[in-house]
Amino acid sequence: MIQLGVIEDDPEIRKTLTDFFNGQPGFACPVSAATVASFLEEWTPDTELDVVLSDIGLPGQSGIKGIPQIKKRSSRCQVVMLTVYDDPDKVFQALCAGATGYLLKQTPLLKIKEALVSLNEGGAPMSPGIARKVVAYFNPKSAHDLSEKITPREGQILQAIEEGMTNKEVAALLGITLETVKSHIKNIYRKLEVNNRHALIRGKYK
């Protein structure tokens, strides 16, 4: 039996999760609350929890800030984030704080159930898009990979962009027209699968 706790400030979502898991064989949801503080108050010493499913954007303390408090209460209890946030900063803040899973709120209930079963069996469930961000973070493209995608001229333009130069400055530096620069940048965007300068500068290409 997986004993599940839920921290979710949206009452409808909280009720949906609680009712669903209380109705699933092998699950029980004895504790649910809208905030980290109220959850810890309702979590009595005689209640053992295996997993806490927690939102991030909560009133008072965030779900990420709540992870260490949950782990302090029960070191064996695992925490899975269930949130709308899919940006890498939130993902890694949660994982560094001790979360063992990260799911997006659009995940169907049955998929959430599968994820929690996987977690209970030793897995670390993540929504596919989140998993790709994690993989990309730990496996950044090397300079060799990059050189295989773009031409030497495109490499010069990319370097100039990373140094903060404008299109006009790049054109003057390389002795080419402004339209040629724009054409090269368009090709770079396409090859590196990005759509703005910010993504190029931060190296967020796939």
C-alpha atoms as a PDB file:
ATOM      1  CA  MET A   1       0.000   0.000   0.000  1.00  0.00           C
ATOM      2  CA  ILE A   2       1.424   3.366  -1.045  1.00  0.00           C
ATOM      3  CA  GLN A   3       0.548   6.013   1.545  1.00  0.00           C
ATOM      4  CA  LEU A   4       0.303   9.317  -0.325  1.00  0.00           C
ATOM      5  CA  GLY A   5       0.195  12.912   0.845  1.00  0.00           C
ATOM      6  CA  VAL A   6      -0.946  15.800  -1.391  1.00  0.00           C
ATOM      7  CA  ILE A   7      -0.018  19.488  -1.137  1.00  0.00           C
ATOM      8  CA  GLU A   8      -2.069  21.522  -3.621  1.00  0.00           C
ATOM      9  CA  ASP A   9      -3.672  24.927  -3.089  1.00  0.00           C
ATOM     10  CA  ASP A  10      -6.293  24.559  -5.830  1.00  0.00           C
ATOM     11  CA  PRO A  11      -9.187  22.869  -3.974  1.00  0.00           C
ATOM     12  CA  GLU A  12     -10.601  21.194  -7.087  1.00  0.00           C
ATOM     13  CA  ILE A  13      -7.260  19.712  -8.109  1.00  0.00           C
ATOM     14  CA  ARG A  14      -6.559  18.647  -4.533  1.00  0.00           C
ATOM     15  CA  LYS A  15      -9.938  16.915  -4.246  1.00  0.00           C
ATOM     16  CA  THR A  16      -9.525  15.255  -7.638  1.00  0.00           C
ATOM     17  CA  LEU A  17      -6.121  13.843  -6.682  1.00  0.00           C
ATOM     18  CA  THR A  18      -7.247  12.761  -3.221  1.00  0.00           C
ATOM     19  CA  ASP A  19     -10.453  11.103  -4.434  1.00  0.00           C
ATOM     20  CA  PHE A  20      -8.687   9.401  -7.327  1.00  0.00           C
ATOM     21  CA  PHE A  21      -5.908   7.840  -5.257  1.00  0.00           C
ATOM     22  CA  ASN A  22      -8.208   6.869  -2.407  1.00  0.00           C
ATOM     23  CA  GLY A  23     -10.182   4.931  -5.016  1.00  0.00           C
ATOM     24  CA  GLN A  24      -7.170   3.131  -6.487  1.00  0.00           C
ATOM     25  CA  PRO A  25      -6.155  -0.352  -5.287  1.00  0.00           C
ATOM     26  CA  GLY A  26      -2.810  -0.188  -3.489  1.00  0.00           C
ATOM     27  CA  PHE A  27      -3.120   3.526  -2.638  1.00  0.00           C
ATOM     28  CA  ALA A  28      -4.363   5.584   0.279  1.00  0.00           C
ATOM     29  CA  CYS A  29      -4.260   9.350   0.662  1.00  0.00           C
ATOM     30  CA  PRO A  30      -4.619  10.120   4.387  1.00  0.00           C
ATOM     31  CA  VAL A  31      -3.205  13.661   4.326  1.00  0.00           C
ATOM     32  CA  SER A  32      -3.905  16.536   1.919  1.00  0.00           C
ATOM     33  CA  ALA A  33      -3.603  20.280   2.415  1.00  0.00           C
ATOM     34  CA  ALA A  34      -3.314  23.611   0.621  1.00  0.00           C
ATOM     35  CA  THR A  35       0.014  24.749   2.086  1.00  0.00           C
ATOM     36  CA  VAL A  36       3.240  23.228   3.374  1.00  0.00           C
ATOM     37  CA  ALA A  37       2.540  24.517   6.896  1.00  0.00           C
ATOM     38  CA  SER A  38      -0.989  23.113   7.089  1.00  0.00           C
ATOM     39  CA  PHE A  39       0.171  19.819   5.573  1.00  0.00           C
ATOM     40  CA  LEU A  40       2.819  19.403   8.263  1.00  0.00           C
ATOM     41  CA  GLU A  41       0.213  20.214  10.929  1.00  0.00           C
ATOM     42  CA  GLU A  42      -2.219  17.613   9.607  1.00  0.00           C
ATOM     43  CA  TRP A  43       0.505  14.982   9.208  1.00  0.00           C
ATOM     44  CA  THR A  44       0.233  13.269  12.587  1.00  0.00           C
ATOM     45  CA  PRO A  45       3.121  11.244  14.086  1.00  0.00           C
ATOM     46  CA  ASP A  46       1.184   7.984  13.736  1.00  0.00           C
ATOM     47  CA  THR A  47       0.732   8.458   9.956  1.00  0.00           C
ATOM     48  CA  GLU A  48       3.503   7.068   7.767  1.00  0.00           C
ATOM     49  CA  LEU A  49       3.731   8.503   4.269  1.00  0.00           C
ATOM     50  CA  ASP A  50       5.649   6.924   1.401  1.00  0.00           C
ATOM     51  CA  VAL A  51       5.258   9.776  -1.096  1.00  0.00           C
ATOM     52  CA  VAL A  52       4.182  13.402  -1.040  1.00  0.00           C
ATOM     53  CA  LEU A  53       2.841  14.862  -4.279  1.00  0.00           C
ATOM     54  CA  SER A  54       3.429  18.611  -4.046  1.00  0.00           C
ATOM     55  CA  ASP A  55       2.769  21.702  -6.132  1.00  0.00           C
ATOM     56  CA  ILE A  56       5.533  24.342  -6.305  1.00  0.00           C
ATOM     57  CA  GLY A  57       3.581  27.610  -6.417  1.00  0.00           C
ATOM     58  CA  LEU A  58       1.887  27.528  -3.016  1.00  0.00           C
ATOM     59  CA  PRO A  59       0.744  30.219  -0.561  1.00  0.00           C
ATOM     60  CA  GLY A  60       3.453  30.859   2.025  1.00  0.00           C
ATOM     61  CA  GLN A  61       6.374  28.524   1.475  1.00  0.00           C
ATOM     62  CA  SER A  62       6.900  27.098  -1.989  1.00  0.00           C
ATOM     63  CA  GLY A  63       6.735  23.373  -2.568  1.00  0.00           C
ATOM     64  CA  ILE A  64      10.504  23.370  -3.145  1.00  0.00           C
ATOM     65  CA  LYS A  65      11.121  24.994   0.258  1.00  0.00           C
ATOM     66  CA  GLY A  66       8.865  22.365   1.777  1.00  0.00           C
ATOM     67  CA  ILE A  67      10.924  19.400   0.562  1.00  0.00           C
ATOM     68  CA  PRO A  68      13.593  19.571   3.334  1.00  0.00           C
ATOM     69  CA  GLN A  69      10.868  19.874   5.980  1.00  0.00           C
ATOM     70  CA  ILE A  70       9.116  16.790   4.647  1.00  0.00           C
ATOM     71  CA  LYS A  71      12.411  14.873   4.541  1.00  0.00           C
ATOM     72  CA  LYS A  72      13.192  16.011   8.087  1.00  0.00           C
ATOM     73  CA  ARG A  73       9.845  14.661   9.267  1.00  0.00           C
ATOM     74  CA  SER A  74      10.418  11.344   7.453  1.00  0.00           C
ATOM     75  CA  SER A  75      13.692  10.627   5.670  1.00  0.00           C
ATOM     76  CA  ARG A  76      12.157   7.675   3.823  1.00  0.00           C
ATOM     77  CA  CYS A  77       9.279   9.739   2.421  1.00  0.00           C
ATOM     78  CA  GLN A  78       9.844  10.712  -1.206  1.00  0.00           C
ATOM     79  CA  VAL A  79       8.631  13.946  -2.777  1.00  0.00           C
ATOM     80  CA  VAL A  80       7.338  14.328  -6.328  1.00  0.00           C
ATOM     81  CA  MET A  81       6.586  17.779  -7.702  1.00  0.00           C
ATOM     82  CA  LEU A  82       3.324  18.174  -9.643  1.00  0.00           C
ATOM     83  CA  THR A  83       3.424  21.615 -11.186  1.00  0.00           C
ATOM     84  CA  VAL A  84       2.853  23.860 -14.187  1.00  0.00           C
ATOM     85  CA  TYR A  85       6.482  25.045 -14.081  1.00  0.00           C
ATOM     86  CA  ASP A  86       8.645  23.448 -16.746  1.00  0.00           C
ATOM     87  CA  ASP A  87      11.609  25.840 -16.738  1.00  0.00           C
ATOM     88  CA  PRO A  88      15.025  24.278 -16.000  1.00  0.00           C
ATOM     89  CA  ASP A  89      15.668  26.514 -12.970  1.00  0.00           C
ATOM     90  CA  LYS A  90      12.620  25.190 -11.114  1.00  0.00           C
ATOM     91  CA  VAL A  91      13.408  21.603 -12.124  1.00  0.00           C
ATOM     92  CA  PHE A  92      16.943  21.729 -10.775  1.00  0.00           C
ATOM     93  CA  GLN A  93      15.995  23.668  -7.652  1.00  0.00           C
ATOM     94  CA  ALA A  94      13.509  20.902  -6.860  1.00  0.00           C
ATOM     95  CA  LEU A  95      15.933  18.070  -7.600  1.00  0.00           C
ATOM     96  CA  CYS A  96      18.714  19.720  -5.609  1.00  0.00           C
ATOM     97  CA  ALA A  97      16.318  20.188  -2.681  1.00  0.00           C
ATOM     98  CA  GLY A  98      15.656  16.439  -2.669  1.00  0.00           C
ATOM     99  CA  ALA A  99      12.703  15.781  -4.976  1.00  0.00           C
ATOM    100  CA  THR A 100      12.792  12.338  -6.586  1.00  0.00           C
ATOM    101  CA  GLY A 101      10.276  13.072  -9.342  1.00  0.00           C
ATOM    102  CA  TYR A 102       8.932  15.979 -11.375  1.00  0.00           C
ATOM    103  CA  LEU A 103       5.610  15.809 -13.216  1.00  0.00           C
ATOM    104  CA  LEU A 104       3.665  18.463 -15.088  1.00  0.00           C
ATOM    105  CA  LYS A 105       0.041  19.120 -14.173  1.00  0.00           C
ATOM    106  CA  GLN A 106      -1.235  18.187 -17.610  1.00  0.00           C
ATOM    107  CA  THR A 107      -0.142  14.607 -16.864  1.00  0.00           C
ATOM    108  CA  PRO A 108      -3.235  12.327 -16.883  1.00  0.00           C
ATOM    109  CA  LEU A 109      -4.185  10.796 -13.537  1.00  0.00           C
ATOM    110  CA  LEU A 110      -3.390   7.266 -14.676  1.00  0.00           C
ATOM    111  CA  LYS A 111       0.067   8.406 -15.786  1.00  0.00           C
ATOM    112  CA  ILE A 112       0.615  10.021 -12.386  1.00  0.00           C
ATOM    113  CA  LYS A 113      -0.377   6.713 -10.797  1.00  0.00           C
ATOM    114  CA  GLU A 114       2.081   4.847 -13.032  1.00  0.00           C
ATOM    115  CA  ALA A 115       4.790   7.336 -12.084  1.00  0.00           C
ATOM    116  CA  LEU A 116       4.187   6.823  -8.357  1.00  0.00           C
ATOM    117  CA  VAL A 117       4.246   3.053  -8.750  1.00  0.00           C
ATOM    118  CA  SER A 118       7.527   3.419 -10.655  1.00  0.00           C
ATOM    119  CA  LEU A 119       8.878   5.648  -7.889  1.00  0.00           C
ATOM    120  CA  ASN A 120       7.919   3.080  -5.265  1.00  0.00           C
ATOM    121  CA  GLU A 121       9.874   0.488  -7.262  1.00  0.00           C
ATOM    122  CA  GLY A 122      13.000   2.614  -7.319  1.00  0.00           C
ATOM    123  CA  GLY A 123      12.411   4.859 -10.330  1.00  0.00           C
ATOM    124  CA  ALA A 124      12.641   8.637 -10.625  1.00  0.00           C
ATOM    125  CA  PRO A 125       9.584   9.643 -12.675  1.00  0.00           C
ATOM    126  CA  MET A 126       9.622  12.757 -14.822  1.00  0.00           C
ATOM    127  CA  SER A 127       7.357  14.095 -17.531  1.00  0.00           C
ATOM    128  CA  PRO A 128       8.980  13.491 -20.955  1.00  0.00           C
ATOM    129  CA  GLY A 129       9.655  17.196 -21.569  1.00  0.00           C
ATOM    130  CA  ILE A 130      11.296  17.540 -18.153  1.00  0.00           C
ATOM    131  CA  ALA A 131      13.432  14.457 -18.727  1.00  0.00           C
ATOM    132  CA  ARG A 132      14.698  15.948 -21.994  1.00  0.00           C
ATOM    133  CA  LYS A 133      15.698  19.152 -20.188  1.00  0.00           C
ATOM    134  CA  VAL A 134      17.628  17.138 -17.611  1.00  0.00           C
ATOM    135  CA  VAL A 135      19.391  15.099 -20.282  1.00  0.00           C
ATOM    136  CA  ALA A 136      20.231  18.242 -22.262  1.00  0.00           C
ATOM    137  CA  TYR A 137      21.635  19.905 -19.142  1.00  0.00           C
ATOM    138  CA  PHE A 138      23.997  17.056 -18.354  1.00  0.00           C
ATOM    139  CA  ASN A 139      24.925  16.395 -21.994  1.00  0.00           C
ATOM    140  CA  PRO A 140      25.597  19.816 -23.538  1.00  0.00           C
ATOM    141  CA  LYS A 141      26.687  19.906 -27.142  1.00  0.00           C
ATOM    142  CA  SER A 142      30.447  20.030 -27.538  1.00  0.00           C
ATOM    143  CA  ALA A 143      32.274  22.401 -29.836  1.00  0.00           C
ATOM    144  CA  HIS A 144      32.837  19.458 -32.194  1.00  0.00           C
ATOM    145  CA  ASP A 145      29.116  18.743 -32.399  1.00  0.00           C
ATOM    146  CA  LEU A 146      28.501  22.409 -33.123  1.00  0.00           C
ATOM    147  CA  SER A 147      31.124  22.599 -35.855  1.00  0.00           C
ATOM    148  CA  GLU A 148      29.427  19.724 -37.662  1.00  0.00           C
ATOM    149  CA  LYS A 149      26.165  21.683 -37.811  1.00  0.00           C
ATOM    150  CA  ILE A 150      27.263  25.144 -38.907  1.00  0.00           C
ATOM    151  CA  THR A 151      29.672  26.546 -41.492  1.00  0.00           C
ATOM    152  CA  PRO A 152      32.851  28.451 -40.552  1.00  0.00           C
ATOM    153  CA  ARG A 153      31.171  31.746 -41.563  1.00  0.00           C
ATOM    154  CA  GLU A 154      28.135  30.935 -39.431  1.00  0.00           C
ATOM    155  CA  GLY A 155      30.530  30.132 -36.609  1.00  0.00           C
ATOM    156  CA  GLN A 156      32.058  33.597 -36.916  1.00  0.00           C
ATOM    157  CA  ILE A 157      28.620  35.204 -36.784  1.00  0.00           C
ATOM    158  CA  LEU A 158      27.571  33.065 -33.817  1.00  0.00           C
ATOM    159  CA  GLN A 159      30.706  34.085 -31.916  1.00  0.00           C
ATOM    160  CA  ALA A 160      30.030  37.761 -32.690  1.00  0.00           C
ATOM    161  CA  ILE A 161      26.448  37.398 -31.417  1.00  0.00           C
ATOM    162  CA  GLU A 162      27.696  35.778 -28.215  1.00  0.00           C
ATOM    163  CA  GLU A 163      29.991  38.776 -27.754  1.00  0.00           C
ATOM    164  CA  GLY A 164      26.960  41.060 -27.906  1.00  0.00           C
ATOM    165  CA  MET A 165      27.454  42.558 -31.338  1.00  0.00           C
ATOM    166  CA  THR A 166      24.500  43.879 -33.348  1.00  0.00           C
ATOM    167  CA  ASN A 167      23.723  42.661 -36.857  1.00  0.00           C
ATOM    168  CA  LYS A 168      25.102  45.934 -38.261  1.00  0.00           C
ATOM    169  CA  GLU A 169      28.342  45.534 -36.294  1.00  0.00           C
ATOM    170  CA  VAL A 170      28.684  41.931 -37.491  1.00  0.00           C
ATOM    171  CA  ALA A 171      28.230  43.050 -41.098  1.00  0.00           C
ATOM    172  CA  ALA A 172      30.937  45.723 -40.711  1.00  0.00           C
ATOM    173  CA  LEU A 173      33.305  43.288 -38.966  1.00  0.00           C
ATOM    174  CA  LEU A 174      33.004  40.599 -41.626  1.00  0.00           C
ATOM    175  CA  GLY A 175      32.675  42.942 -44.620  1.00  0.00           C
ATOM    176  CA  ILE A 176      29.296  41.570 -45.698  1.00  0.00           C
ATOM    177  CA  THR A 177      25.868  43.131 -46.145  1.00  0.00           C
ATOM    178  CA  LEU A 178      23.289  43.392 -43.397  1.00  0.00           C
ATOM    179  CA  GLU A 179      20.930  41.158 -45.385  1.00  0.00           C
ATOM    180  CA  THR A 180      23.630  38.492 -45.643  1.00  0.00           C
ATOM    181  CA  VAL A 181      24.096  38.584 -41.883  1.00  0.00           C
ATOM    182  CA  LYS A 182      20.345  38.164 -41.365  1.00  0.00           C
ATOM    183  CA  SER A 183      20.303  35.245 -43.789  1.00  0.00           C
ATOM    184  CA  HIS A 184      23.142  33.524 -41.932  1.00  0.00           C
ATOM    185  CA  ILE A 185      21.414  34.075 -38.573  1.00  0.00           C
ATOM    186  CA  LYS A 186      18.219  32.573 -39.935  1.00  0.00           C
ATOM    187  CA  ASN A 187      20.184  29.490 -40.987  1.00  0.00           C
ATOM    188  CA  ILE A 188      21.865  29.285 -37.572  1.00  0.00           C
ATOM    189  CA  TYR A 189      18.487  29.419 -35.812  1.00  0.00           C
ATOM    190  CA  ARG A 190      17.192  26.629 -38.030  1.00  0.00           C
ATOM    191  CA  LYS A 191      20.239  24.390 -37.603  1.00  0.00           C
ATOM    192  CA  LEU A 192      20.464  24.852 -33.830  1.00  0.00           C
ATOM    193  CA  GLU A 193      16.679  24.700 -33.374  1.00  0.00           C
ATOM    194  CA  VAL A 194      16.309  28.006 -31.539  1.00  0.00           C
ATOM    195  CA  ASN A 195      14.302  31.112 -32.373  1.00  0.00           C
ATOM    196  CA  ASN A 196      16.020  34.033 -30.665  1.00  0.00           C
ATOM    197  CA  ARG A 197      19.391  35.501 -29.709  1.00  0.00           C
ATOM    198  CA  HIS A 198      18.862  34.856 -26.017  1.00  0.00           C
ATOM    199  CA  ALA A 199      18.693  31.119 -26.638  1.00  0.00           C
ATOM    200  CA  LEU A 200      21.887  31.256 -28.706  1.00  0.00           C
ATOM    201  CA  ILE A 201      23.792  33.229 -26.099  1.00  0.00           C
ATOM    202  CA  ARG A 202      22.732  30.915 -23.272  1.00  0.00           C
ATOM    203  CA  GLY A 203      23.632  27.873 -25.357  1.00  0.00           C
ATOM    204  CA  LYS A 204      20.146  26.396 -25.077  1.00  0.00           C
ATOM    205  CA  TYR A 205      20.244  24.685 -28.433  1.00  0.00           C
ATOM    206  CA  LYS A 206      19.506  20.990 -28.695  1.00  0.00           C
END
